[in-house]
């Protein structure tokens, strides 16, 4: 019984890390992102990668991460040309990548380890 409560707490930590990471990434888009915000986003991304993505969600998460990173990198450059809001949108996308890429790296490594372990 105590073990199931631990799993719920871990899942909640991962869920909250994801929500907080997205909120920080959006807020960071309005100001120049500093080293503290960068570090927080990377750490939250690592937490999400370790705690929030289960084995059955791996493929969906990695595909979604890939799409988001590609769109953020390409779309950020296109959106920068828009007056007034363009630079903010590019900054938001950059902050999102700081958050999503560490999570994707951890999930990818977990998937590779699971594949190697099966053989």
Protein backbone atom coordinates (compact mmCIF):
# COMPACT_ATOMS: atom_id res chain seq x y z
CA UNK A 1 0.00 0.00 0.00
CA UNK A 2 2.78 2.45 0.85
CA UNK A 3 4.48 1.72 -2.45
CA UNK A 4 1.46 2.84 -4.48
CA UNK A 5 1.45 6.15 -2.62
CA UNK A 6 5.12 6.59 -3.54
CA UNK A 7 4.32 6.04 -7.20
CA UNK A 8 1.55 8.63 -7.03
CA UNK A 9 3.91 11.15 -5.44
CA UNK A 10 6.54 10.49 -8.11
CA UNK A 11 3.96 10.88 -10.87
CA UNK A 12 2.72 14.11 -9.33
CA UNK A 13 6.26 15.48 -9.09
CA UNK A 14 6.80 14.69 -12.77
CA UNK A 15 3.48 16.24 -13.75
CA UNK A 16 4.13 19.39 -11.74
CA UNK A 17 7.65 19.63 -13.15
CA UNK A 18 6.17 19.58 -16.64
CA UNK A 19 3.56 22.23 -15.86
CA UNK A 20 6.06 24.49 -14.10
CA UNK A 21 8.58 24.04 -16.93
CA UNK A 22 6.08 25.08 -19.57
CA UNK A 23 4.98 28.10 -17.52
CA UNK A 24 8.58 29.19 -16.90
CA UNK A 25 9.40 28.74 -20.59
CA UNK A 26 6.47 30.95 -21.59
CA UNK A 27 7.27 33.60 -18.98
CA UNK A 28 10.96 33.51 -19.92
CA UNK A 29 9.98 34.54 -23.43
CA UNK A 30 9.17 38.04 -22.27
CA UNK A 31 12.63 38.79 -20.86
CA UNK A 32 16.18 37.83 -21.74
CA UNK A 33 16.70 34.38 -20.30
CA UNK A 34 19.45 34.22 -17.71
CA UNK A 35 21.57 31.43 -16.36
CA UNK A 36 19.21 30.73 -13.46
CA UNK A 37 16.16 30.30 -15.69
CA UNK A 38 18.22 28.21 -18.12
CA UNK A 39 19.39 25.95 -15.30
CA UNK A 40 15.88 25.61 -13.87
CA UNK A 41 14.43 24.69 -17.27
CA UNK A 42 17.13 22.08 -17.87
CA UNK A 43 16.67 20.56 -14.40
CA UNK A 44 12.89 20.46 -14.82
CA UNK A 45 13.36 18.81 -18.21
CA UNK A 46 15.56 16.15 -16.62
CA UNK A 47 12.95 15.57 -13.90
CA UNK A 48 10.23 15.17 -16.52
CA UNK A 49 12.40 12.74 -18.47
CA UNK A 50 13.12 10.60 -15.43
CA UNK A 51 9.73 10.68 -13.70
CA UNK A 52 6.97 11.59 -16.10
CA UNK A 53 7.37 9.39 -19.18
CA UNK A 54 6.63 5.68 -18.83
CA UNK A 55 7.64 2.90 -21.19
CA UNK A 56 4.35 2.92 -23.08
CA UNK A 57 4.53 6.68 -23.62
CA UNK A 58 8.10 6.70 -24.91
CA UNK A 59 7.41 6.66 -28.65
CA UNK A 60 4.69 9.30 -28.45
CA UNK A 61 6.83 11.53 -26.25
CA UNK A 62 9.90 11.24 -28.45
CA UNK A 63 7.92 11.92 -31.63
CA UNK A 64 6.18 14.91 -30.05
CA UNK A 65 9.51 16.20 -28.75
CA UNK A 66 11.08 15.85 -32.17
CA UNK A 67 8.25 17.77 -33.82
CA UNK A 68 8.32 20.48 -31.16
CA UNK A 69 12.08 20.96 -31.38
CA UNK A 70 12.07 21.09 -35.20
CA UNK A 71 9.14 23.51 -35.28
CA UNK A 72 10.61 25.64 -32.52
CA UNK A 73 13.97 25.95 -34.22
CA UNK A 74 12.59 26.62 -37.68
CA UNK A 75 9.46 28.47 -36.64
CA UNK A 76 11.36 30.67 -34.22
CA UNK A 77 13.47 32.05 -37.03
CA UNK A 78 10.41 32.74 -39.17
CA UNK A 79 8.44 34.29 -36.33
CA UNK A 80 11.30 36.61 -35.42
CA UNK A 81 10.51 38.64 -38.54
CA UNK A 82 7.09 39.59 -37.16
CA UNK A 83 7.17 43.04 -35.60
CA UNK A 84 6.67 43.42 -31.86
CA UNK A 85 5.74 39.83 -30.93
CA UNK A 86 8.20 37.96 -33.15
CA UNK A 87 11.25 38.23 -30.89
CA UNK A 88 9.16 37.20 -27.87
CA UNK A 89 7.80 34.15 -29.70
CA UNK A 90 11.31 33.15 -30.73
CA UNK A 91 12.45 33.50 -27.12
CA UNK A 92 9.52 31.38 -25.90
CA UNK A 93 10.40 28.66 -28.41
CA UNK A 94 14.05 28.78 -27.35
CA UNK A 95 13.06 28.39 -23.71
CA UNK A 96 10.76 25.50 -24.64
CA UNK A 97 13.69 23.77 -26.31
CA UNK A 98 15.79 24.24 -23.16
CA UNK A 99 13.04 22.40 -21.30
CA UNK A 100 12.10 19.68 -23.81
CA UNK A 101 15.53 18.62 -25.10
CA UNK A 102 16.87 17.34 -21.73
CA UNK A 103 13.65 15.38 -21.20
CA UNK A 104 13.92 13.89 -24.68
CA UNK A 105 17.56 12.92 -24.11
CA UNK A 106 16.69 11.09 -20.88
CA UNK A 107 13.71 9.31 -22.44
CA UNK A 108 15.83 8.35 -25.46
CA UNK A 109 18.54 6.91 -23.23
CA UNK A 110 15.94 5.00 -21.22
CA UNK A 111 14.50 3.59 -24.46
CA UNK A 112 17.93 2.56 -25.74
CA UNK A 113 18.69 0.91 -22.42
CA UNK A 114 15.36 -0.95 -22.51
CA UNK A 115 16.12 -2.18 -26.03
CA UNK A 116 19.59 -3.34 -25.02
CA UNK A 117 18.23 -5.02 -21.92
CA UNK A 118 15.69 -7.08 -23.91
CA UNK A 119 18.36 -8.93 -25.87
